[in-house]
Amino acid sequence: MPTIIVEGPPIGIETKRRLVERLTRVVSEEYGIPSITVLIKENAAENVGIDGTLLCDKRRREKKKKE
């Protein structure tokens, strides 16, 4: 049984429903099997580092630049 892992920022429950349905449909069609597992791993900006900086800090700096 194929497993799809999606990692990204937190999203709403309706978005998760659409994402799971669409991913399952496409992968099921391509593999020709009905059983697909989708895991959604949400990562808050405070738990993600990019180029040595927390994403939440990077976003805060970018927001201040726009003001």
N, C-alpha and C. Protein backbone atom coordinates (compact mmCIF):
# COMPACT_ATOMS: atom_id res chain seq x y z
N MET A 1 0.85 -1.18 0.00
CA MET A 1 0.00 0.00 0.00
C MET A 1 0.89 1.24 0.00
N PRO A 2 0.79 2.10 -1.03
CA PRO A 2 1.58 3.33 -1.07
C PRO A 2 1.19 4.28 0.06
N THR A 3 2.19 4.98 0.55
CA THR A 3 1.99 6.00 1.57
C THR A 3 2.52 7.33 1.04
N ILE A 4 1.70 8.35 1.14
CA ILE A 4 2.08 9.70 0.73
C ILE A 4 2.26 10.51 2.01
N ILE A 5 3.40 11.19 2.13
CA ILE A 5 3.65 12.03 3.29
C ILE A 5 3.76 13.47 2.80
N VAL A 6 2.92 14.34 3.35
CA VAL A 6 2.92 15.75 3.00
C VAL A 6 3.36 16.52 4.23
N GLU A 7 4.46 17.26 4.10
CA GLU A 7 4.92 18.11 5.20
C GLU A 7 4.79 19.56 4.79
N GLY A 8 4.22 20.36 5.67
CA GLY A 8 4.06 21.77 5.34
C GLY A 8 3.47 22.52 6.51
N PRO A 9 3.08 23.76 6.27
CA PRO A 9 2.50 24.56 7.34
C PRO A 9 1.10 24.06 7.69
N PRO A 10 0.61 24.43 8.86
CA PRO A 10 -0.74 24.03 9.25
C PRO A 10 -1.78 24.54 8.25
N ILE A 11 -2.77 23.68 7.97
CA ILE A 11 -3.87 24.03 7.06
C ILE A 11 -5.19 23.62 7.71
N GLY A 12 -6.27 24.15 7.21
CA GLY A 12 -7.59 23.87 7.76
C GLY A 12 -8.08 22.47 7.40
N ILE A 13 -9.07 22.01 8.14
CA ILE A 13 -9.60 20.66 7.97
C ILE A 13 -10.22 20.46 6.59
N GLU A 14 -10.90 21.44 6.04
CA GLU A 14 -11.49 21.30 4.71
C GLU A 14 -10.40 21.17 3.65
N THR A 15 -9.33 21.91 3.80
CA THR A 15 -8.20 21.80 2.87
C THR A 15 -7.57 20.42 2.98
N LYS A 16 -7.46 19.90 4.19
CA LYS A 16 -6.92 18.55 4.39
C LYS A 16 -7.81 17.52 3.70
N ARG A 17 -9.11 17.66 3.82
CA ARG A 17 -10.04 16.72 3.18
C ARG A 17 -9.85 16.71 1.67
N ARG A 18 -9.78 17.91 1.07
CA ARG A 18 -9.59 18.01 -0.38
C ARG A 18 -8.24 17.42 -0.79
N LEU A 19 -7.22 17.74 -0.04
CA LEU A 19 -5.88 17.25 -0.35
C LEU A 19 -5.82 15.73 -0.30
N VAL A 20 -6.36 15.14 0.75
CA VAL A 20 -6.35 13.68 0.89
C VAL A 20 -7.15 13.03 -0.24
N GLU A 21 -8.32 13.59 -0.55
CA GLU A 21 -9.16 13.01 -1.61
C GLU A 21 -8.44 13.07 -2.96
N ARG A 22 -7.86 14.22 -3.29
CA ARG A 22 -7.23 14.39 -4.60
C ARG A 22 -5.96 13.55 -4.72
N LEU A 23 -5.12 13.56 -3.69
CA LEU A 23 -3.91 12.75 -3.74
C LEU A 23 -4.24 11.27 -3.86
N THR A 24 -5.22 10.82 -3.08
CA THR A 24 -5.62 9.42 -3.12
C THR A 24 -6.13 9.03 -4.50
N ARG A 25 -6.95 9.90 -5.08
CA ARG A 25 -7.51 9.61 -6.41
C ARG A 25 -6.41 9.46 -7.46
N VAL A 26 -5.50 10.41 -7.50
CA VAL A 26 -4.45 10.38 -8.53
C VAL A 26 -3.52 9.19 -8.33
N VAL A 27 -3.06 8.96 -7.12
CA VAL A 27 -2.13 7.87 -6.88
C VAL A 27 -2.81 6.52 -7.09
N SER A 28 -4.05 6.41 -6.69
CA SER A 28 -4.80 5.17 -6.90
C SER A 28 -4.95 4.87 -8.39
N GLU A 29 -5.24 5.90 -9.18
CA GLU A 29 -5.35 5.72 -10.63
C GLU A 29 -4.03 5.27 -11.23
N GLU A 30 -2.95 5.88 -10.82
CA GLU A 30 -1.64 5.58 -11.40
C GLU A 30 -1.11 4.21 -10.97
N TYR A 31 -1.33 3.84 -9.72
CA TYR A 31 -0.88 2.53 -9.23
C TYR A 31 -1.86 1.42 -9.56
N GLY A 32 -3.10 1.79 -9.80
CA GLY A 32 -4.12 0.80 -10.10
C GLY A 32 -4.57 0.01 -8.88
N ILE A 33 -4.44 0.62 -7.71
CA ILE A 33 -4.89 -0.02 -6.47
C ILE A 33 -5.70 0.98 -5.65
N PRO A 34 -6.66 0.49 -4.88
CA PRO A 34 -7.55 1.40 -4.16
C PRO A 34 -7.05 1.87 -2.80
N SER A 35 -6.07 1.19 -2.23
CA SER A 35 -5.69 1.50 -0.85
C SER A 35 -4.44 2.40 -0.80
N ILE A 36 -4.64 3.64 -0.42
CA ILE A 36 -3.57 4.63 -0.34
C ILE A 36 -3.64 5.27 1.05
N THR A 37 -2.49 5.45 1.68
CA THR A 37 -2.43 6.14 2.97
C THR A 37 -1.82 7.51 2.76
N VAL A 38 -2.44 8.54 3.34
CA VAL A 38 -1.90 9.90 3.27
C VAL A 38 -1.66 10.38 4.69
N LEU A 39 -0.42 10.80 4.95
CA LEU A 39 -0.07 11.37 6.25
C LEU A 39 0.23 12.84 6.07
N ILE A 40 -0.41 13.67 6.88
CA ILE A 40 -0.17 15.12 6.82
C ILE A 40 0.57 15.50 8.09
N LYS A 41 1.78 16.01 7.91
CA LYS A 41 2.60 16.45 9.04
C LYS A 41 2.69 17.96 8.98
N GLU A 42 2.11 18.59 9.97
CA GLU A 42 2.09 20.06 9.99
C GLU A 42 3.25 20.57 10.84
N ASN A 43 3.93 21.55 10.30
CA ASN A 43 5.07 22.13 10.98
C ASN A 43 4.83 23.62 11.20
N ALA A 44 4.75 24.01 12.45
CA ALA A 44 4.60 25.42 12.77
C ALA A 44 5.88 26.16 12.39
N ALA A 45 5.75 27.43 12.05
CA ALA A 45 6.90 28.24 11.63
C ALA A 45 8.00 28.27 12.69
N GLU A 46 7.64 28.08 13.95
CA GLU A 46 8.65 28.08 15.02
C GLU A 46 9.45 26.77 15.05
N ASN A 47 9.02 25.79 14.27
CA ASN A 47 9.71 24.50 14.23
C ASN A 47 10.43 24.25 12.91
N VAL A 48 10.57 25.30 12.10
CA VAL A 48 11.22 25.16 10.80
C VAL A 48 12.35 26.18 10.71
N GLY A 49 13.53 25.70 10.34
CA GLY A 49 14.67 26.59 10.15
C GLY A 49 15.08 26.61 8.69
N ILE A 50 15.34 27.81 8.17
CA ILE A 50 15.79 27.98 6.80
C ILE A 50 17.05 28.83 6.82
N ASP A 51 18.11 28.29 6.28
CA ASP A 51 19.40 29.01 6.23
C ASP A 51 19.82 29.51 7.61
N GLY A 52 19.62 28.70 8.63
CA GLY A 52 20.08 29.04 9.97
C GLY A 52 19.16 29.97 10.76
N THR A 53 17.96 30.23 10.24
CA THR A 53 17.02 31.13 10.91
C THR A 53 15.67 30.45 11.01
N LEU A 54 15.02 30.61 12.18
CA LEU A 54 13.67 30.08 12.31
C LEU A 54 12.74 30.80 11.33
N LEU A 55 11.83 30.06 10.74
CA LEU A 55 10.90 30.63 9.78
C LEU A 55 10.06 31.73 10.40
N CYS A 56 9.65 31.56 11.66
CA CYS A 56 8.84 32.60 12.32
C CYS A 56 9.62 33.91 12.44
N ASP A 57 10.93 33.84 12.71
CA ASP A 57 11.75 35.04 12.80
C ASP A 57 11.93 35.68 11.43
N LYS A 58 12.13 34.85 10.42
CA LYS A 58 12.28 35.36 9.06
C LYS A 58 11.02 36.09 8.61
N ARG A 59 9.86 35.49 8.87
CA ARG A 59 8.59 36.13 8.51
C ARG A 59 8.40 37.45 9.26
N ARG A 60 8.77 37.47 10.53
CA ARG A 60 8.62 38.69 11.34
C ARG A 60 9.47 39.82 10.75
N ARG A 61 10.71 39.49 10.36
CA ARG A 61 11.59 40.51 9.77
C ARG A 61 11.03 41.00 8.45
N GLU A 62 10.52 40.08 7.62
CA GLU A 62 9.95 40.48 6.33
C GLU A 62 8.72 41.36 6.51
N LYS A 63 7.92 41.06 7.53
CA LYS A 63 6.73 41.87 7.80
C LYS A 63 7.12 43.28 8.21
N LYS A 64 8.17 43.42 9.04
CA LYS A 64 8.63 44.73 9.48
C LYS A 64 9.15 45.54 8.30
N LYS A 65 9.82 44.89 7.34
CA LYS A 65 10.34 45.58 6.17
C LYS A 65 9.22 46.19 5.34
N LYS A 66 8.07 45.51 5.28
CA LYS A 66 6.93 45.98 4.50
C LYS A 66 6.23 47.16 5.14
N GLU A 67 6.38 47.31 6.44
CA GLU A 67 5.67 48.38 7.18
C GLU A 67 6.33 49.71 7.02
